[in-house]
Amino acid sequence: MTALAAVVHGLNAVLLITLVLLHGGRGGGLSDMFGGGMGPIAGGGATVMERNLDRLTVASAILFGITTIVLSWLLN
């Protein structure tokens, strides 16, 4: 059980890092490469891709927190 939780935790950590790096900062970022750069010009606001990226990042962060708590509980 501990090994499975550790694997899920590790994969989720890599996913969370990737999702955070895909977010655009003030001047854009890697999300511009995937269609996020037209936000203020085309529609005035966050695009569908940016909202979905936000949702995936929040879900991954919540899962990361849960797996952290589970691992600390199992290893204690």
Protein backbone atom coordinates (compact mmCIF):
# COMPACT_ATOMS: atom_id res chain seq x y z
CA MET A 1 0.00 0.00 0.00
CA THR A 2 2.83 2.38 0.85
CA ALA A 3 4.59 1.72 -2.44
CA LEU A 4 1.44 2.43 -4.43
CA ALA A 5 0.87 5.68 -2.56
CA ALA A 6 4.48 6.69 -3.14
CA VAL A 7 4.21 6.01 -6.87
CA VAL A 8 0.97 7.99 -7.15
CA HIS A 9 2.55 10.80 -5.13
CA GLY A 10 5.63 10.90 -7.35
CA LEU A 11 3.67 10.87 -10.61
CA ASN A 12 1.35 13.55 -9.30
CA ALA A 13 4.32 15.70 -8.28
CA VAL A 14 5.68 15.57 -11.83
CA LEU A 15 2.23 16.37 -13.21
CA LEU A 16 1.80 19.30 -10.82
CA ILE A 17 5.20 20.75 -11.76
CA THR A 18 4.33 20.44 -15.46
CA LEU A 19 0.94 22.10 -15.02
CA VAL A 20 2.39 25.00 -13.05
CA LEU A 21 5.04 25.56 -15.70
CA LEU A 22 2.37 25.63 -18.40
CA HIS A 23 0.65 28.59 -16.74
CA GLY A 24 1.37 31.94 -18.31
CA GLY A 25 2.86 34.64 -16.15
CA ARG A 26 2.43 38.35 -16.70
CA GLY A 27 4.05 38.29 -20.10
CA GLY A 28 2.77 34.94 -21.32
CA GLY A 29 4.69 31.75 -20.86
CA LEU A 30 4.55 28.24 -22.10
CA SER A 31 0.75 28.40 -22.27
CA ASP A 32 1.10 30.81 -25.22
CA MET A 33 2.44 27.94 -27.29
CA PHE A 34 -0.86 26.09 -26.88
CA GLY A 35 -3.29 28.89 -27.70
CA GLY A 36 -3.35 30.83 -24.44
CA GLY A 37 -1.77 33.95 -25.88
CA MET A 38 -4.87 35.33 -27.56
CA GLY A 39 -6.82 35.88 -24.31
CA PRO A 40 -7.10 39.66 -23.93
CA ILE A 41 -6.98 40.34 -27.67
CA ALA A 42 -9.61 37.92 -28.91
CA GLY A 43 -12.18 37.75 -26.15
CA GLY A 44 -11.19 39.78 -23.14
CA GLY A 45 -10.68 37.25 -20.40
CA ALA A 46 -9.48 33.76 -19.73
CA THR A 47 -9.79 31.32 -22.58
CA VAL A 48 -11.33 27.89 -22.21
CA MET A 49 -7.88 26.34 -22.29
CA GLU A 50 -6.67 28.56 -19.44
CA ARG A 51 -9.72 27.73 -17.31
CA ASN A 52 -9.25 24.01 -17.93
CA LEU A 53 -5.55 24.33 -17.09
CA ASP A 54 -6.53 26.06 -13.84
CA ARG A 55 -8.98 23.29 -12.98
CA LEU A 56 -6.43 20.56 -13.70
CA THR A 57 -3.81 22.34 -11.60
CA VAL A 58 -6.17 22.71 -8.63
CA ALA A 59 -7.26 19.07 -8.88
CA SER A 60 -3.64 17.93 -9.05
CA ALA A 61 -2.72 20.10 -6.04
CA ILE A 62 -5.60 18.65 -4.01
CA LEU A 63 -4.55 15.11 -4.94
CA PHE A 64 -0.96 15.97 -4.00
CA GLY A 65 -2.11 17.15 -0.58
CA ILE A 66 -4.19 14.03 -0.04
CA THR A 67 -1.36 11.70 -1.01
CA THR A 68 1.02 13.64 1.26
CA ILE A 69 -1.33 13.12 4.21
CA VAL A 70 -1.85 9.44 3.36
CA LEU A 71 1.89 8.81 3.05
CA SER A 72 2.65 10.55 6.34
CA TRP A 73 -0.10 8.53 8.03
CA LEU A 74 1.14 5.24 6.55
CA LEU A 75 4.79 5.86 7.38
CA ASN A 76 4.14 7.03 10.93
